[in-house]
N, C-alpha and C. Protein backbone atom coordinates (compact mmCIF):
# COMPACT_ATOMS: atom_id res chain seq x y z
N MET A 1 0.90 -1.27 -0.01
CA MET A 1 0.11 -0.16 -0.21
C MET A 1 0.86 1.29 -0.06
N ASN A 2 0.52 2.11 -0.78
CA ASN A 2 1.31 3.47 -0.78
C ASN A 2 0.93 4.31 0.34
N PRO A 3 1.84 4.85 1.05
CA PRO A 3 1.70 5.96 2.10
C PRO A 3 0.93 6.95 1.63
N VAL A 4 0.11 7.62 2.67
CA VAL A 4 -0.52 8.72 2.46
C VAL A 4 0.22 9.94 3.37
N LEU A 5 0.26 10.95 2.75
CA LEU A 5 1.25 12.03 3.01
C LEU A 5 0.25 13.27 3.26
N THR A 6 0.39 13.97 4.55
CA THR A 6 -0.31 15.05 5.10
C THR A 6 0.70 16.14 5.17
N PRO A 7 0.23 17.27 4.19
CA PRO A 7 1.29 18.50 4.50
C PRO A 7 1.25 19.18 5.91
N ASP A 8 2.20 19.60 6.44
CA ASP A 8 2.28 20.18 7.51
C ASP A 8 1.69 21.78 7.50
N ALA A 9 1.73 22.54 8.49
CA ALA A 9 1.12 23.89 8.54
C ALA A 9 1.88 24.81 7.42
N ARG A 10 3.11 24.40 7.22
CA ARG A 10 3.81 25.26 6.11
C ARG A 10 3.65 24.79 4.77
N ARG A 11 2.64 23.51 4.53
CA ARG A 11 2.43 23.16 3.10
C ARG A 11 3.69 22.22 2.81
N ARG A 12 4.34 21.76 3.61
CA ARG A 12 5.47 20.74 3.31
C ARG A 12 5.08 19.34 3.65
N ILE A 13 5.60 18.40 2.79
CA ILE A 13 5.56 16.99 2.88
C ILE A 13 7.06 16.45 3.07
N THR A 14 6.94 15.29 3.87
CA THR A 14 8.09 14.55 3.85
C THR A 14 8.09 13.38 2.95
N LEU A 15 8.86 13.12 2.01
CA LEU A 15 8.80 11.69 1.29
C LEU A 15 9.49 10.51 1.81
N PRO A 16 9.02 9.48 1.78
CA PRO A 16 9.61 8.41 2.63
C PRO A 16 10.96 8.09 1.70
N ALA A 17 11.84 7.37 2.44
CA ALA A 17 12.91 7.01 1.91
C ALA A 17 12.61 6.00 0.57
N LEU A 18 13.48 6.18 -0.42
CA LEU A 18 13.43 5.55 -1.54
C LEU A 18 14.65 4.78 -1.78
N PRO A 19 14.78 3.37 -1.73
CA PRO A 19 16.17 2.69 -1.92
C PRO A 19 16.79 3.11 -3.28
N GLY A 20 18.14 3.70 -2.99
CA GLY A 20 19.01 3.95 -4.07
C GLY A 20 18.82 5.62 -4.60
N LEU A 21 17.77 6.22 -3.96
CA LEU A 21 17.53 7.26 -4.53
C LEU A 21 18.25 8.57 -3.81
N ASP A 22 19.58 8.69 -3.84
CA ASP A 22 20.25 9.52 -3.15
C ASP A 22 20.49 10.88 -4.19
N GLN A 23 19.71 11.35 -4.77
CA GLN A 23 19.98 12.26 -6.05
C GLN A 23 18.86 13.71 -5.99
N PRO A 24 19.19 14.42 -6.59
CA PRO A 24 18.00 15.67 -6.66
C PRO A 24 16.84 15.18 -7.46
N LEU A 25 15.82 15.71 -7.00
CA LEU A 25 14.46 15.30 -7.85
C LEU A 25 14.06 16.54 -8.35
N GLU A 26 13.58 16.68 -9.79
CA GLU A 26 12.83 17.54 -10.52
C GLU A 26 11.17 17.29 -10.20
N ILE A 27 10.35 18.31 -9.78
CA ILE A 27 8.96 18.11 -9.61
C ILE A 27 8.26 18.64 -10.79
N HIS A 28 7.52 17.72 -11.45
CA HIS A 28 6.56 18.21 -12.46
C HIS A 28 5.06 18.25 -12.12
N ALA A 29 4.50 19.27 -12.25
CA ALA A 29 3.21 18.95 -11.99
C ALA A 29 2.12 18.95 -13.23
N GLN A 30 1.37 17.83 -12.91
CA GLN A 30 0.82 17.41 -14.24
C GLN A 30 -0.66 17.96 -14.46
N PRO A 31 -1.17 18.02 -15.60
CA PRO A 31 -2.58 18.70 -15.84
C PRO A 31 -3.70 17.99 -14.81
N ASP A 32 -3.46 16.77 -14.45
CA ASP A 32 -4.65 16.23 -13.71
C ASP A 32 -4.49 16.47 -12.28
N GLY A 33 -3.42 17.24 -11.85
CA GLY A 33 -3.26 17.74 -10.46
C GLY A 33 -2.21 16.73 -9.70
N ASN A 34 -1.90 15.84 -10.32
CA ASN A 34 -0.64 14.97 -9.70
C ASN A 34 0.82 15.45 -9.96
N TYR A 35 1.54 15.09 -9.26
CA TYR A 35 2.99 15.51 -9.47
C TYR A 35 3.93 14.25 -9.66
N LEU A 36 4.81 14.48 -10.53
CA LEU A 36 5.58 13.50 -11.11
C LEU A 36 7.03 14.22 -10.50
N LEU A 37 7.63 13.14 -9.83
CA LEU A 37 9.11 13.29 -9.41
C LEU A 37 10.13 12.82 -10.19
N VAL A 38 11.10 13.34 -11.02
CA VAL A 38 12.08 12.86 -11.82
C VAL A 38 13.45 13.09 -11.29
N PRO A 39 14.10 11.74 -11.09
CA PRO A 39 15.49 12.03 -10.71
C PRO A 39 16.31 12.75 -11.65
N VAL A 40 17.17 13.42 -11.37
CA VAL A 40 18.16 14.41 -12.31
C VAL A 40 19.45 14.41 -11.98
N ALA A 41 20.30 14.53 -12.78
CA ALA A 41 21.88 14.56 -12.74
C ALA A 41 22.13 16.18 -12.73
N THR A 42 22.93 16.59 -12.00
CA THR A 42 23.31 18.13 -11.99
C THR A 42 24.83 18.16 -12.82
N VAL A 43 25.03 19.19 -13.51
CA VAL A 43 26.23 19.41 -14.25
C VAL A 43 26.95 20.60 -13.78
N PRO A 44 28.10 20.80 -13.51
CA PRO A 44 28.64 22.11 -13.21
C PRO A 44 28.75 23.24 -14.21
N LEU A 45 28.30 24.45 -13.97
CA LEU A 45 28.04 25.45 -14.95
C LEU A 45 29.53 25.49 -16.04
N SER A 46 30.39 25.07 -15.48
CA SER A 46 31.75 25.19 -16.31
C SER A 46 31.65 24.08 -17.39
N GLU A 47 30.69 23.04 -17.05
CA GLU A 47 30.58 21.90 -18.29
C GLU A 47 29.20 22.03 -18.99
N ALA A 48 28.44 23.00 -18.50
CA ALA A 48 27.44 22.99 -19.14
C ALA A 48 27.12 23.01 -20.71
N TRP A 49 28.25 23.82 -21.25
CA TRP A 49 28.21 23.80 -22.60
C TRP A 49 28.29 22.35 -23.36
N ALA A 50 28.83 21.56 -22.84
CA ALA A 50 28.91 19.97 -23.49
C ALA A 50 27.72 19.48 -23.65
N TRP A 51 26.56 20.18 -22.99
CA TRP A 51 25.24 19.40 -22.93
C TRP A 51 24.03 20.23 -23.64
N THR A 52 24.61 21.09 -24.63
CA THR A 52 23.76 22.01 -25.78
C THR A 52 23.42 21.04 -26.66
N PRO A 53 22.41 21.13 -27.36
CA PRO A 53 21.89 20.55 -28.51
C PRO A 53 23.30 20.42 -29.79
N GLY A 54 23.90 21.49 -30.02
CA GLY A 54 24.99 21.63 -30.92
C GLY A 54 26.18 20.82 -30.59
N ALA A 55 26.58 20.69 -29.08
CA ALA A 55 27.73 19.91 -28.70
C ALA A 55 27.32 18.46 -28.62
N LEU A 56 25.85 18.18 -28.15
CA LEU A 56 25.64 16.70 -28.17
C LEU A 56 25.43 16.25 -29.63
N ALA A 57 25.00 17.01 -30.64
CA ALA A 57 24.96 16.41 -32.27
C ALA A 57 26.54 16.12 -32.33
N LYS A 58 27.42 17.04 -32.21
CA LYS A 58 28.63 16.81 -32.59
C LYS A 58 29.60 15.60 -31.90
N THR A 59 29.10 15.29 -30.85
CA THR A 59 29.40 14.23 -29.99
C THR A 59 28.99 12.94 -30.73
N LYS A 60 27.56 12.91 -30.99
CA LYS A 60 27.14 11.69 -31.57
C LYS A 60 27.40 11.60 -33.00
N THR A 61 27.76 12.49 -33.82
CA THR A 61 28.32 12.49 -35.08
C THR A 61 29.76 11.62 -35.01
N GLY A 62 30.66 12.18 -34.08
CA GLY A 62 31.94 11.61 -33.87
C GLY A 62 31.68 9.94 -33.43
N LEU A 63 30.77 9.79 -32.49
CA LEU A 63 30.63 8.24 -31.90
C LEU A 63 30.26 7.63 -33.14
N ASN A 64 29.38 7.98 -34.10
CA ASN A 64 28.83 7.39 -35.32
C ASN A 64 29.97 6.94 -35.85
N GLU A 65 30.84 8.01 -36.43
CA GLU A 65 31.94 7.98 -37.33
C GLU A 65 32.87 6.75 -36.77
N HIS A 66 33.10 6.86 -35.44
CA HIS A 66 34.01 5.99 -34.89
C HIS A 66 33.46 4.53 -34.98
N HIS A 67 32.21 4.32 -34.62
CA HIS A 67 31.68 2.94 -34.84
C HIS A 67 31.54 2.33 -36.28
N ALA A 68 31.55 3.44 -37.05
CA ALA A 68 31.52 2.81 -38.37
C ALA A 68 32.74 2.69 -39.09
N GLY A 69 33.92 2.91 -38.29
CA GLY A 69 35.35 2.76 -38.73
C GLY A 69 36.05 3.94 -39.29
N LYS A 70 35.53 4.94 -39.12
CA LYS A 70 35.82 6.27 -40.05
C LYS A 70 37.11 6.67 -39.09
N GLY A 71 37.25 6.47 -37.93
CA GLY A 71 38.27 7.04 -37.13
C GLY A 71 39.59 6.79 -37.33
N ILE A 72 40.58 7.79 -37.18
CA ILE A 72 42.16 7.54 -37.62
C ILE A 72 42.78 7.42 -35.92
N ALA A 73 43.56 6.00 -36.15
CA ALA A 73 44.29 5.93 -34.53
C ALA A 73 45.28 6.88 -34.45
N SER A 74 45.67 7.43 -33.19
CA SER A 74 46.39 8.53 -32.99
C SER A 74 47.84 7.77 -33.19
N THR A 75 48.02 6.65 -33.31
CA THR A 75 49.17 5.75 -33.19
C THR A 75 49.65 5.71 -34.94
N SER A 76 48.80 5.75 -35.81
CA SER A 76 49.15 5.66 -37.27
C SER A 76 49.83 6.78 -37.76
N SER A 77 50.21 6.68 -38.89
CA SER A 77 50.91 7.76 -39.46
C SER A 77 49.98 8.98 -39.68
N LYS A 78 48.65 8.60 -40.24
CA LYS A 78 47.69 9.75 -40.48
C LYS A 78 47.36 10.30 -39.08
N GLY A 79 47.30 9.46 -38.10
CA GLY A 79 46.93 10.02 -36.80
C GLY A 79 48.11 11.11 -36.31
N ALA A 80 49.27 10.50 -36.54
CA ALA A 80 50.40 11.36 -35.88
C ALA A 80 50.48 12.87 -36.98
N ALA A 81 50.18 12.80 -38.21
CA ALA A 81 50.13 14.09 -38.83
C ALA A 81 49.03 14.99 -38.54
N PHE A 82 47.69 14.27 -38.02
CA PHE A 82 46.62 15.15 -37.61
C PHE A 82 47.09 15.79 -36.08
N LEU A 83 47.90 15.05 -35.39
CA LEU A 83 48.13 15.65 -34.08
C LEU A 83 49.22 16.74 -34.38
N LYS A 84 49.89 16.47 -35.15
CA LYS A 84 51.14 17.32 -35.54
C LYS A 84 50.43 18.86 -35.80
N LYS A 85 49.32 18.65 -37.15
CA LYS A 85 48.65 19.81 -37.43
C LYS A 85 47.90 20.62 -36.08
N LEU A 86 47.34 19.87 -35.39
CA LEU A 86 47.07 20.46 -33.96
C LEU A 86 47.71 21.42 -33.15
N GLU A 87 49.05 20.84 -33.20
CA GLU A 87 50.04 21.51 -32.32
C GLU A 87 50.43 22.84 -32.86
N LYS A 88 50.13 23.19 -34.12
CA LYS A 88 50.50 24.57 -34.81
C LYS A 88 49.68 25.43 -34.36
């Protein structure tokens, strides 16, 4: 049976402990009056750029190219030449 929660005088409730859920939650109000709690992961602001749609698309493209065998090993002659270009 699910617990019944009653708000206190300040309209707060305390959620029961959930196994393995030691992380932040986002609360979503649903049109039917229910609330949905969604576990979220936080990212430091200095790393937030990596989670933009553009950066994620480039990462996905790179991974797809790698899995398709289009990558160049850094230990190959082509890879060494590419790394040398980057140093300039």
